[in-house]
Protein backbone atom coordinates (compact mmCIF):
# COMPACT_ATOMS: atom_id res chain seq x y z
CA MET A 1 -10.12 0.06 -1.81
CA ASP A 2 -11.84 3.21 -0.44
CA LYS A 3 -14.21 5.70 -2.57
CA GLN A 4 -11.62 7.52 -4.04
CA HIS A 5 -10.01 4.43 -5.71
CA ARG A 6 -7.04 4.47 -3.06
CA LEU A 7 -5.90 1.08 -1.47
CA VAL A 8 -6.12 1.18 2.08
CA ILE A 9 -4.16 -1.03 4.60
CA ASP A 10 -4.43 -0.98 8.18
CA VAL A 11 -1.80 -2.38 9.99
CA TYR A 12 -2.22 -4.10 13.51
CA LYS A 13 -0.06 -4.66 16.75
CA GLY A 14 -2.13 -6.87 18.63
CA SER A 15 -5.76 -5.61 18.69
CA ASP A 16 -4.62 -1.78 18.42
CA ARG A 17 -4.35 -0.71 15.00
CA SER A 18 -0.96 0.96 14.47
CA ARG A 19 -0.93 2.35 11.18
CA GLN A 20 -2.87 3.20 7.93
CA ASP A 21 -1.21 3.45 4.59
CA LEU A 22 -2.95 4.89 1.81
CA VAL A 23 -1.87 4.79 -1.94
CA ALA A 24 -3.33 4.92 -5.46
CA PRO A 25 -2.89 1.47 -6.81
CA GLU A 26 -1.77 2.75 -10.15
CA LYS A 27 1.15 4.62 -8.63
CA LEU A 28 2.34 0.99 -7.20
CA ASP A 29 4.78 -1.14 -8.71
CA ALA A 30 3.45 -4.42 -8.71
CA LEU A 31 6.56 -5.93 -10.08
CA SER A 32 8.44 -4.75 -6.94
CA VAL A 33 6.29 -6.47 -4.40
CA SER A 34 8.72 -8.69 -2.25
CA PHE A 35 9.72 -10.24 0.90
CA SER A 36 12.47 -8.78 3.11
CA PRO A 37 14.00 -11.29 5.71
CA GLU A 38 15.61 -8.36 7.62
CA GLU A 39 12.22 -6.85 8.18
CA ASP A 40 10.42 -10.13 8.34
CA ALA A 41 7.61 -8.21 6.22
CA VAL A 42 6.18 -7.73 2.77
CA VAL A 43 7.23 -4.76 1.06
CA ILE A 44 5.36 -3.10 -1.42
CA GLY A 45 6.77 0.11 -3.35
CA CYS A 46 6.11 3.02 -5.78
CA LEU A 47 6.99 3.23 -9.19
CA ALA A 48 9.94 5.54 -10.22
CA ALA A 49 7.98 8.33 -11.62
CA HIS A 50 5.61 8.67 -8.63
CA GLY A 51 8.23 8.74 -6.08
CA HIS A 52 6.48 8.91 -2.37
CA CYS A 53 3.32 7.94 -3.45
CA ILE A 54 2.30 6.20 0.04
CA ASP A 55 0.77 8.15 3.02
CA LYS A 56 1.68 6.39 6.01
CA GLU A 57 -0.36 7.52 9.38
CA ILE A 58 1.27 6.48 12.37
CA PHE A 59 -1.32 6.68 15.11
CA LYS A 60 0.87 6.86 18.33
CA LEU A 61 2.99 9.60 16.41
CA ASN A 62 -0.21 11.42 15.37
CA THR A 63 1.43 12.23 12.01
CA ILE A 64 1.50 11.59 8.46
CA ARG A 65 4.71 10.63 6.26
CA HIS A 66 4.97 10.16 2.73
CA THR A 67 7.15 7.40 1.59
CA GLY A 68 8.12 5.36 -1.52
CA ARG A 69 7.54 1.70 0.25
CA SER A 70 5.54 0.02 2.69
CA ASN A 71 6.50 -2.78 4.65
CA LEU A 72 3.63 -5.19 5.75
CA PRO A 73 3.85 -7.56 8.56
CA ARG A 74 3.99 -11.34 7.10
CA PRO A 75 1.11 -13.48 7.91
CA PRO A 76 2.32 -15.91 10.68
CA ASP A 77 1.67 -19.00 8.35
CA ASP A 78 3.07 -17.48 5.32
CA VAL A 79 6.95 -18.15 5.87
CA ASN A 80 8.74 -16.43 3.09
CA GLY A 81 5.41 -14.28 2.19
CA GLU A 82 4.85 -15.98 -1.13
CA ARG A 83 1.04 -16.20 -0.62
CA ALA A 84 1.11 -12.84 0.51
CA ILE A 85 2.98 -11.54 -2.37
CA GLY A 86 0.96 -13.01 -4.99
CA ALA A 87 -2.33 -11.85 -3.31
CA LEU A 88 -0.58 -8.19 -3.21
CA LYS A 89 0.54 -8.40 -6.77
CA GLU A 90 -2.77 -9.72 -8.24
CA LEU A 91 -4.85 -6.88 -6.32
CA ILE A 92 -2.25 -4.05 -7.50
CA ILE A 93 -2.74 -5.47 -11.23
CA THR A 94 -6.23 -5.94 -11.13
CA ALA A 95 -6.88 -2.46 -9.65
CA GLN A 96 -4.34 -0.85 -12.13
CA GLU A 97 -6.62 -2.78 -14.98
CA ALA A 98 -10.09 -1.71 -13.69
CA LEU A 99 -8.80 2.17 -13.25
CA ALA A 100 -7.35 1.78 -16.95
CA THR A 101 -10.89 1.12 -18.35
CA THR A 102 -12.75 3.90 -16.53
CA PRO A 103 -13.24 7.02 -18.45
CA ASP A 104 -10.93 9.80 -17.68
CA GLU A 105 -12.33 12.14 -15.34
CA THR A 106 -11.08 14.81 -12.93
CA ARG A 107 -10.37 13.11 -9.46
CA GLU A 108 -11.22 14.81 -6.34
CA ARG A 109 -7.90 15.60 -4.70
CA THR A 110 -7.57 14.52 -1.16
CA VAL A 111 -4.99 15.78 1.28
CA ARG A 112 -3.98 14.25 4.21
CA ARG A 113 -2.06 16.39 6.91
CA LYS A 114 -1.38 16.40 10.26
């Protein structure tokens, strides 16, 4: 989590960071976290009301895309991604609960553009 209470996900290929995803956890659907055998990845998605809530920065293309889902590489020792799915669901739910208990305040809007 960063200072703006966003979930920051860095994706590496080898030792190089290839992508960074940013999303406010309250916009994620914890129940939709699943494993995609076709992509061999764990997938997180936005709540229907928040559409394309994930900012996906792809470094080699020097671009930021707004998307409704993010596929995360499956840990090599987690065959069906079950442990990763459980950890992500717990992280999202815990972050949503923590944000729900903080007083309402105007959050600083950050814009990522390229």
